[in-house]
C-alpha cells in the first residue's frame, strides 16, 4: 500500500510544523510513504560553540521519524504514539547537513496495529544511522516507541 501524492505532501507539511522547535531548527521531511521516511537536519541553524552540529539537534533528528512513520502508517483518529526509550551514540562530529532514513515493513505495521487493537498498546523499535552529506555515519540511535489505542 502506498500513499497518494496529496497524502505525502500533507504528512510532510504536518511533520515539518509539528511544533515551533522543529521549525526553528529547520528539520525537514524529504520523502515519505507508508512505513517510510527520509528526513534532514541542516547544519547552519544548529551549530554549537565549536562549529559542529549541536548534539540535541542530532537527537531530535533521530527521534522525529517516529511521528512521520506514525502519520504514514496508522489511523491517527484511533491511535497515538509515545517514545518509550531512545539511546544515541555519537561517532564523529557532524560538519554538514545530516539525514536519516527509517523503514517499517508492512508486516511490522500490521503486527503493531493488531497487537494495539488487542491489548490497547504495542511496543516497537528500530535502529537508525544519522549520516552526513558524504554518507558517513555520525551517530547511531536505538528507538523504542509504543502505539496506543485512543481511549484504550
N, C-alpha and C. Protein backbone atom coordinates (compact mmCIF):
# COMPACT_ATOMS: atom_id res chain seq x y z
N UNK A 1 0.84 -1.17 0.00
CA UNK A 1 0.00 0.00 0.00
C UNK A 1 0.90 1.24 0.00
N UNK A 2 0.61 2.16 -0.89
CA UNK A 2 1.37 3.41 -0.94
C UNK A 2 0.43 4.58 -0.70
N UNK A 3 1.02 5.69 -0.36
CA UNK A 3 0.25 6.91 -0.13
C UNK A 3 0.12 7.69 -1.42
N UNK A 4 -0.95 8.45 -1.53
CA UNK A 4 -1.10 9.35 -2.68
C UNK A 4 -0.14 10.52 -2.53
N UNK A 5 0.12 11.22 -3.61
CA UNK A 5 1.00 12.39 -3.55
C UNK A 5 0.42 13.45 -2.61
N UNK A 6 -0.89 13.59 -2.59
CA UNK A 6 -1.53 14.55 -1.69
C UNK A 6 -1.30 14.15 -0.24
N UNK A 7 -1.48 12.87 0.08
CA UNK A 7 -1.23 12.40 1.44
C UNK A 7 0.23 12.62 1.85
N UNK A 8 1.14 12.34 0.94
CA UNK A 8 2.56 12.54 1.22
C UNK A 8 2.86 14.00 1.54
N UNK A 9 2.33 14.91 0.73
CA UNK A 9 2.56 16.33 0.96
C UNK A 9 1.94 16.80 2.27
N UNK A 10 0.76 16.28 2.61
CA UNK A 10 0.12 16.64 3.88
C UNK A 10 0.95 16.17 5.06
N UNK A 11 1.50 14.97 4.99
CA UNK A 11 2.33 14.44 6.08
C UNK A 11 3.62 15.24 6.19
N UNK A 12 4.24 15.56 5.06
CA UNK A 12 5.46 16.37 5.08
C UNK A 12 5.19 17.71 5.77
N UNK A 13 4.12 18.37 5.36
CA UNK A 13 3.79 19.68 5.93
C UNK A 13 3.51 19.57 7.42
N UNK A 14 2.76 18.56 7.82
CA UNK A 14 2.42 18.39 9.24
C UNK A 14 3.67 18.06 10.06
N UNK A 15 4.53 17.21 9.55
CA UNK A 15 5.71 16.82 10.33
C UNK A 15 6.72 17.95 10.43
N UNK A 16 6.82 18.77 9.41
CA UNK A 16 7.78 19.88 9.44
C UNK A 16 7.29 21.05 10.29
N UNK A 17 6.02 21.00 10.69
CA UNK A 17 5.45 22.07 11.54
C UNK A 17 4.82 21.48 12.80
N UNK A 18 5.38 20.37 13.27
CA UNK A 18 4.83 19.69 14.45
C UNK A 18 4.76 20.62 15.64
N UNK A 19 5.86 21.33 15.89
CA UNK A 19 5.90 22.30 16.98
C UNK A 19 7.00 23.31 16.66
N UNK A 20 6.99 24.47 17.31
CA UNK A 20 7.92 25.55 16.94
C UNK A 20 9.39 25.14 16.92
N UNK A 21 9.82 24.26 17.82
CA UNK A 21 11.22 23.86 17.84
C UNK A 21 11.64 23.23 16.52
N UNK A 22 10.81 22.39 15.95
CA UNK A 22 11.13 21.73 14.68
C UNK A 22 11.30 22.78 13.59
N UNK A 23 10.43 23.78 13.58
CA UNK A 23 10.54 24.84 12.58
C UNK A 23 11.83 25.64 12.78
N UNK A 24 12.17 25.97 14.02
CA UNK A 24 13.37 26.76 14.31
C UNK A 24 14.64 26.04 13.90
N UNK A 25 14.70 24.73 14.14
CA UNK A 25 15.94 24.01 13.82
C UNK A 25 16.01 23.63 12.34
N UNK A 26 14.90 23.77 11.61
CA UNK A 26 14.92 23.55 10.17
C UNK A 26 14.80 22.12 9.71
N UNK A 27 14.45 21.20 10.61
CA UNK A 27 14.27 19.80 10.21
C UNK A 27 13.21 19.70 9.12
N UNK A 28 13.47 18.86 8.12
CA UNK A 28 12.52 18.71 7.03
C UNK A 28 12.34 17.24 6.66
N UNK A 29 11.13 16.91 6.29
CA UNK A 29 10.83 15.59 5.76
C UNK A 29 11.05 15.65 4.26
N UNK A 30 12.00 14.89 3.76
CA UNK A 30 12.34 14.91 2.34
C UNK A 30 11.50 13.93 1.53
N UNK A 31 11.18 12.79 2.13
CA UNK A 31 10.42 11.77 1.41
C UNK A 31 9.62 10.98 2.44
N UNK A 32 8.44 10.57 2.05
CA UNK A 32 7.58 9.81 2.95
C UNK A 32 6.72 8.86 2.12
N UNK A 33 6.44 7.72 2.68
CA UNK A 33 5.48 6.77 2.13
C UNK A 33 5.02 5.91 3.30
N UNK A 34 4.15 5.01 3.05
CA UNK A 34 3.67 4.16 4.13
C UNK A 34 4.86 3.41 4.75
N UNK A 35 5.08 3.62 6.04
CA UNK A 35 6.17 2.95 6.73
C UNK A 35 7.56 3.44 6.40
N UNK A 36 7.68 4.57 5.75
CA UNK A 36 8.99 5.06 5.32
C UNK A 36 9.09 6.57 5.47
N UNK A 37 10.26 7.03 5.90
CA UNK A 37 10.54 8.46 5.82
C UNK A 37 12.03 8.70 5.73
N UNK A 38 12.36 9.80 5.08
CA UNK A 38 13.73 10.30 5.00
C UNK A 38 13.66 11.76 5.42
N UNK A 39 14.47 12.11 6.41
CA UNK A 39 14.44 13.46 6.96
C UNK A 39 15.86 14.03 6.97
N UNK A 40 15.95 15.36 7.11
CA UNK A 40 17.26 16.00 7.21
C UNK A 40 17.21 17.13 8.22
N UNK A 41 18.40 17.39 8.78
CA UNK A 41 18.60 18.50 9.70
C UNK A 41 19.73 19.34 9.11
N UNK A 42 19.46 20.63 8.84
CA UNK A 42 20.51 21.47 8.28
C UNK A 42 21.55 21.85 9.34
N UNK A 43 22.79 21.99 8.91
CA UNK A 43 23.87 22.34 9.82
C UNK A 43 23.75 23.77 10.34
N UNK A 44 23.54 24.72 9.43
CA UNK A 44 23.66 26.15 9.76
C UNK A 44 22.91 26.59 11.03
N UNK A 45 21.62 26.32 11.17
CA UNK A 45 20.96 26.84 12.37
C UNK A 45 21.21 26.00 13.62
N UNK A 46 22.01 24.95 13.49
CA UNK A 46 22.21 24.01 14.60
C UNK A 46 23.67 23.87 15.02
N UNK A 47 24.47 24.88 14.70
CA UNK A 47 25.88 24.86 15.09
C UNK A 47 26.04 25.08 16.59
N UNK A 48 26.99 24.38 17.18
CA UNK A 48 27.29 24.59 18.60
C UNK A 48 28.50 25.52 18.75
N UNK A 49 29.00 25.62 19.93
CA UNK A 49 30.10 26.53 20.24
C UNK A 49 31.45 26.15 19.63
N UNK A 50 31.58 24.94 19.09
CA UNK A 50 32.84 24.53 18.45
C UNK A 50 32.68 24.33 16.94
N UNK A 51 31.54 24.75 16.38
CA UNK A 51 31.36 24.72 14.94
C UNK A 51 30.91 23.42 14.34
N UNK A 52 30.36 22.53 15.15
CA UNK A 52 29.77 21.28 14.65
C UNK A 52 28.30 21.26 15.04
N UNK A 53 27.54 20.29 14.52
CA UNK A 53 26.12 20.24 14.84
C UNK A 53 25.91 19.93 16.31
N UNK A 54 25.02 20.69 16.92
CA UNK A 54 24.63 20.52 18.31
C UNK A 54 24.08 19.11 18.53
N UNK A 55 24.50 18.45 19.58
CA UNK A 55 24.08 17.07 19.88
C UNK A 55 22.56 16.95 20.00
N UNK A 56 21.92 17.96 20.55
CA UNK A 56 20.46 17.93 20.69
C UNK A 56 19.75 17.93 19.34
N UNK A 57 20.35 18.57 18.34
CA UNK A 57 19.77 18.56 17.00
C UNK A 57 19.86 17.16 16.40
N UNK A 58 20.97 16.48 16.63
CA UNK A 58 21.11 15.11 16.15
C UNK A 58 20.10 14.19 16.84
N UNK A 59 19.95 14.36 18.13
CA UNK A 59 18.97 13.56 18.88
C UNK A 59 17.57 13.81 18.33
N UNK A 60 17.26 15.07 18.09
CA UNK A 60 15.94 15.42 17.54
C UNK A 60 15.71 14.75 16.20
N UNK A 61 16.72 14.78 15.32
CA UNK A 61 16.57 14.15 14.02
C UNK A 61 16.38 12.64 14.14
N UNK A 62 16.99 12.02 15.12
CA UNK A 62 16.83 10.58 15.33
C UNK A 62 15.43 10.25 15.85
N UNK A 63 14.81 11.16 16.59
CA UNK A 63 13.50 10.91 17.20
C UNK A 63 12.33 11.26 16.29
N UNK A 64 12.47 12.31 15.48
CA UNK A 64 11.35 12.80 14.67
C UNK A 64 10.71 11.77 13.72
N UNK A 65 11.47 10.83 13.14
CA UNK A 65 10.81 9.87 12.24
C UNK A 65 9.68 9.08 12.90
N UNK A 66 9.70 8.95 14.22
CA UNK A 66 8.61 8.24 14.89
C UNK A 66 7.25 8.85 14.57
N UNK A 67 7.17 10.16 14.55
CA UNK A 67 5.91 10.83 14.23
C UNK A 67 5.53 10.69 12.77
N UNK A 68 6.52 10.75 11.90
CA UNK A 68 6.25 10.63 10.46
C UNK A 68 5.78 9.21 10.14
N UNK A 69 6.46 8.22 10.69
CA UNK A 69 6.05 6.83 10.47
C UNK A 69 4.64 6.62 11.02
N UNK A 70 4.35 7.18 12.18
CA UNK A 70 3.00 7.09 12.76
C UNK A 70 1.97 7.66 11.80
N UNK A 71 2.20 8.88 11.31
CA UNK A 71 1.21 9.51 10.43
C UNK A 71 1.06 8.77 9.10
N UNK A 72 2.13 8.15 8.63
CA UNK A 72 2.07 7.48 7.32
C UNK A 72 1.55 6.05 7.40
N UNK A 73 1.45 5.50 8.61
CA UNK A 73 1.18 4.07 8.73
C UNK A 73 -0.07 3.71 9.54
N UNK A 74 -0.50 4.60 10.42
CA UNK A 74 -1.59 4.26 11.33
C UNK A 74 -2.70 5.30 11.27
N UNK A 75 -3.89 4.89 11.66
CA UNK A 75 -5.05 5.77 11.68
C UNK A 75 -4.92 6.72 12.87
N UNK A 76 -4.64 7.99 12.59
CA UNK A 76 -4.39 8.96 13.66
C UNK A 76 -5.65 9.27 14.47
N UNK A 77 -6.81 8.84 14.00
CA UNK A 77 -8.06 9.01 14.77
C UNK A 77 -8.24 7.89 15.79
N UNK A 78 -7.48 6.79 15.63
CA UNK A 78 -7.64 5.63 16.52
C UNK A 78 -6.44 5.36 17.41
N UNK A 79 -5.25 5.83 16.98
CA UNK A 79 -4.02 5.51 17.69
C UNK A 79 -3.18 6.75 17.93
N UNK A 80 -2.28 6.67 18.91
CA UNK A 80 -1.26 7.70 19.10
C UNK A 80 0.02 7.05 19.58
N UNK A 81 1.18 7.66 19.27
CA UNK A 81 2.47 7.08 19.66
C UNK A 81 3.07 7.81 20.85
N UNK A 82 3.93 7.11 21.57
CA UNK A 82 4.77 7.75 22.57
C UNK A 82 6.19 7.20 22.41
N UNK A 83 7.16 7.97 22.83
CA UNK A 83 8.54 7.50 22.86
C UNK A 83 8.75 6.85 24.22
N UNK A 84 9.15 5.59 24.22
CA UNK A 84 9.41 4.89 25.49
C UNK A 84 10.87 4.99 25.90
N UNK A 85 11.76 4.91 24.92
CA UNK A 85 13.19 4.94 25.24
C UNK A 85 13.94 5.27 23.96
N UNK A 86 15.07 5.91 24.14
CA UNK A 86 15.90 6.20 22.99
C UNK A 86 17.33 6.38 23.46
N UNK A 87 18.24 5.75 22.75
CA UNK A 87 19.66 5.88 23.05
C UNK A 87 20.36 6.34 21.78
N UNK A 88 21.35 7.20 21.96
CA UNK A 88 22.10 7.67 20.81
C UNK A 88 23.59 7.54 21.11
N UNK A 89 24.32 7.15 20.09
CA UNK A 89 25.78 7.02 20.19
C UNK A 89 26.39 7.92 19.13
N UNK A 90 27.13 8.91 19.57
CA UNK A 90 27.78 9.84 18.65
C UNK A 90 29.11 9.24 18.20
N UNK A 91 29.32 9.17 16.89
CA UNK A 91 30.51 8.51 16.35
C UNK A 91 31.56 9.48 15.84
N UNK A 92 31.13 10.59 15.25
CA UNK A 92 32.07 11.58 14.72
C UNK A 92 31.35 12.92 14.65
N UNK A 93 32.10 14.01 14.60
CA UNK A 93 31.48 15.34 14.52
C UNK A 93 30.65 15.49 13.24
N UNK A 94 29.52 16.12 13.36
CA UNK A 94 28.65 16.39 12.21
C UNK A 94 28.99 17.79 11.70
N UNK A 95 29.55 17.85 10.51
CA UNK A 95 30.00 19.12 9.94
C UNK A 95 29.27 19.49 8.66
N UNK A 96 28.21 18.74 8.32
CA UNK A 96 27.37 19.02 7.15
C UNK A 96 25.92 18.84 7.58
N UNK A 97 24.99 19.07 6.66
CA UNK A 97 23.60 18.69 6.90
C UNK A 97 23.59 17.19 7.18
N UNK A 98 22.62 16.74 7.97
CA UNK A 98 22.53 15.33 8.37
C UNK A 98 21.18 14.77 7.93
N UNK A 99 21.18 13.51 7.50
CA UNK A 99 19.94 12.86 7.10
C UNK A 99 19.75 11.54 7.85
N UNK A 100 18.50 11.10 7.86
CA UNK A 100 18.14 9.82 8.49
C UNK A 100 17.03 9.19 7.66
N UNK A 101 17.06 7.88 7.57
CA UNK A 101 16.02 7.11 6.88
C UNK A 101 15.51 6.04 7.81
N UNK A 102 14.19 5.86 7.81
CA UNK A 102 13.57 4.80 8.61
C UNK A 102 12.57 4.07 7.73
N UNK A 103 12.57 2.74 7.83
CA UNK A 103 11.61 1.93 7.09
C UNK A 103 11.00 0.89 8.03
N UNK A 104 9.69 0.85 8.04
CA UNK A 104 8.94 -0.14 8.82
C UNK A 104 8.17 -0.99 7.81
N UNK A 105 8.37 -2.30 7.82
CA UNK A 105 7.73 -3.17 6.82
C UNK A 105 6.23 -3.22 7.01
N UNK A 106 5.55 -3.60 5.97
CA UNK A 106 4.09 -3.74 6.04
C UNK A 106 3.71 -4.79 7.07
N UNK A 107 4.46 -5.88 7.13
CA UNK A 107 4.18 -6.93 8.12
C UNK A 107 4.32 -6.38 9.54
N UNK A 108 5.33 -5.55 9.78
CA UNK A 108 5.52 -4.97 11.11
C UNK A 108 4.41 -3.97 11.43
N UNK A 109 4.00 -3.18 10.45
CA UNK A 109 2.88 -2.25 10.65
C UNK A 109 1.63 -3.04 11.05
N UNK A 110 1.35 -4.11 10.34
CA UNK A 110 0.16 -4.93 10.64
C UNK A 110 0.27 -5.57 12.02
N UNK A 111 1.45 -6.04 12.39
CA UNK A 111 1.66 -6.64 13.72
C UNK A 111 1.41 -5.62 14.82
N UNK A 112 1.97 -4.43 14.66
CA UNK A 112 1.81 -3.38 15.67
C UNK A 112 0.34 -3.00 15.81
N UNK A 113 -0.33 -2.82 14.69
CA UNK A 113 -1.74 -2.43 14.74
C UNK A 113 -2.59 -3.52 15.38
N UNK A 114 -2.39 -4.77 15.01
CA UNK A 114 -3.18 -5.87 15.56
C UNK A 114 -2.97 -6.00 17.07
N UNK A 115 -1.71 -5.92 17.50
CA UNK A 115 -1.45 -6.02 18.94
C UNK A 115 -2.03 -4.84 19.70
N UNK A 116 -1.98 -3.66 19.11
CA UNK A 116 -2.57 -2.48 19.75
C UNK A 116 -4.08 -2.63 19.86
N UNK A 117 -4.71 -3.13 18.82
CA UNK A 117 -6.16 -3.33 18.87
C UNK A 117 -6.55 -4.37 19.92
N UNK A 118 -5.72 -5.39 20.10
CA UNK A 118 -6.00 -6.44 21.07
C UNK A 118 -5.67 -6.02 22.49
N UNK A 119 -4.50 -5.40 22.69
CA UNK A 119 -4.01 -5.11 24.04
C UNK A 119 -4.07 -3.64 24.45
N UNK A 120 -4.48 -2.78 23.53
CA UNK A 120 -4.54 -1.36 23.82
C UNK A 120 -3.22 -0.64 23.63
N UNK A 121 -2.12 -1.41 23.41
CA UNK A 121 -0.81 -0.81 23.18
C UNK A 121 0.13 -1.87 22.62
N UNK A 122 1.22 -1.37 21.99
CA UNK A 122 2.23 -2.27 21.43
C UNK A 122 3.55 -1.53 21.32
N UNK A 123 4.60 -2.14 21.83
CA UNK A 123 5.94 -1.58 21.68
C UNK A 123 6.53 -1.99 20.33
N UNK A 124 7.31 -1.10 19.75
CA UNK A 124 8.06 -1.42 18.54
C UNK A 124 9.33 -0.59 18.54
N UNK A 125 10.31 -1.03 17.77
CA UNK A 125 11.60 -0.35 17.82
C UNK A 125 12.31 -0.42 16.50
N UNK A 126 13.31 0.44 16.36
CA UNK A 126 14.18 0.42 15.21
C UNK A 126 15.50 1.09 15.56
N UNK A 127 16.49 0.83 14.72
CA UNK A 127 17.79 1.47 14.83
C UNK A 127 17.95 2.41 13.65
N UNK A 128 18.64 3.53 13.88
CA UNK A 128 18.86 4.49 12.80
C UNK A 128 20.34 4.80 12.67
N UNK A 129 20.70 5.24 11.48
CA UNK A 129 22.02 5.78 11.20
C UNK A 129 21.82 7.22 10.74
N UNK A 130 22.42 8.16 11.44
CA UNK A 130 22.40 9.55 11.02
C UNK A 130 23.65 9.78 10.19
N UNK A 131 23.47 10.24 8.95
CA UNK A 131 24.58 10.34 8.01
C UNK A 131 24.79 11.77 7.55
N UNK A 132 26.08 12.09 7.31
CA UNK A 132 26.40 13.41 6.78
C UNK A 132 26.23 13.40 5.26
N UNK A 133 26.51 14.53 4.63
CA UNK A 133 26.28 14.63 3.19
C UNK A 133 27.25 13.78 2.36
N UNK A 134 28.27 13.20 3.01
CA UNK A 134 29.21 12.30 2.33
C UNK A 134 28.85 10.83 2.56
N UNK A 135 27.75 10.58 3.28
CA UNK A 135 27.33 9.21 3.57
C UNK A 135 28.00 8.61 4.79
N UNK A 136 28.79 9.39 5.51
CA UNK A 136 29.45 8.91 6.73
C UNK A 136 28.47 8.91 7.90
N UNK A 137 28.47 7.86 8.68
CA UNK A 137 27.59 7.77 9.86
C UNK A 137 28.19 8.63 10.97
N UNK A 138 27.41 9.61 11.44
CA UNK A 138 27.87 10.48 12.54
C UNK A 138 27.27 10.06 13.88
N UNK A 139 26.14 9.34 13.84
CA UNK A 139 25.52 8.88 15.08
C UNK A 139 24.62 7.69 14.78
N UNK A 140 24.43 6.86 15.79
CA UNK A 140 23.54 5.70 15.73
C UNK A 140 22.52 5.86 16.85
N UNK A 141 21.29 5.48 16.59
CA UNK A 141 20.29 5.53 17.66
C UNK A 141 19.49 4.24 17.69
N UNK A 142 18.99 3.94 18.88
CA UNK A 142 18.06 2.84 19.07
C UNK A 142 16.81 3.46 19.67
N UNK A 143 15.70 3.33 18.97
CA UNK A 143 14.46 4.00 19.34
C UNK A 143 13.40 2.97 19.71
N UNK A 144 12.74 3.17 20.83
CA UNK A 144 11.62 2.32 21.24
C UNK A 144 10.39 3.20 21.40
N UNK A 145 9.37 2.88 20.65
CA UNK A 145 8.11 3.61 20.68
C UNK A 145 7.01 2.68 21.18
N UNK A 146 5.88 3.27 21.47
CA UNK A 146 4.70 2.48 21.81
C UNK A 146 3.51 3.11 21.09
N UNK A 147 2.74 2.28 20.40
CA UNK A 147 1.50 2.74 19.80
C UNK A 147 0.39 2.41 20.79
N UNK A 148 -0.48 3.38 21.02
CA UNK A 148 -1.59 3.19 21.95
C UNK A 148 -2.91 3.47 21.27
N UNK A 149 -3.90 2.75 21.73
CA UNK A 149 -5.27 2.92 21.24
C UNK A 149 -5.89 4.10 21.98
N UNK A 150 -6.46 5.03 21.25
CA UNK A 150 -7.13 6.17 21.86
C UNK A 150 -8.32 5.65 22.64
N UNK A 151 -8.41 6.04 23.91
CA UNK A 151 -9.50 5.59 24.76
C UNK A 151 -9.33 4.17 25.27
N UNK A 152 -8.17 3.57 24.99
CA UNK A 152 -7.93 2.18 25.36
C UNK A 152 -7.27 2.00 26.70
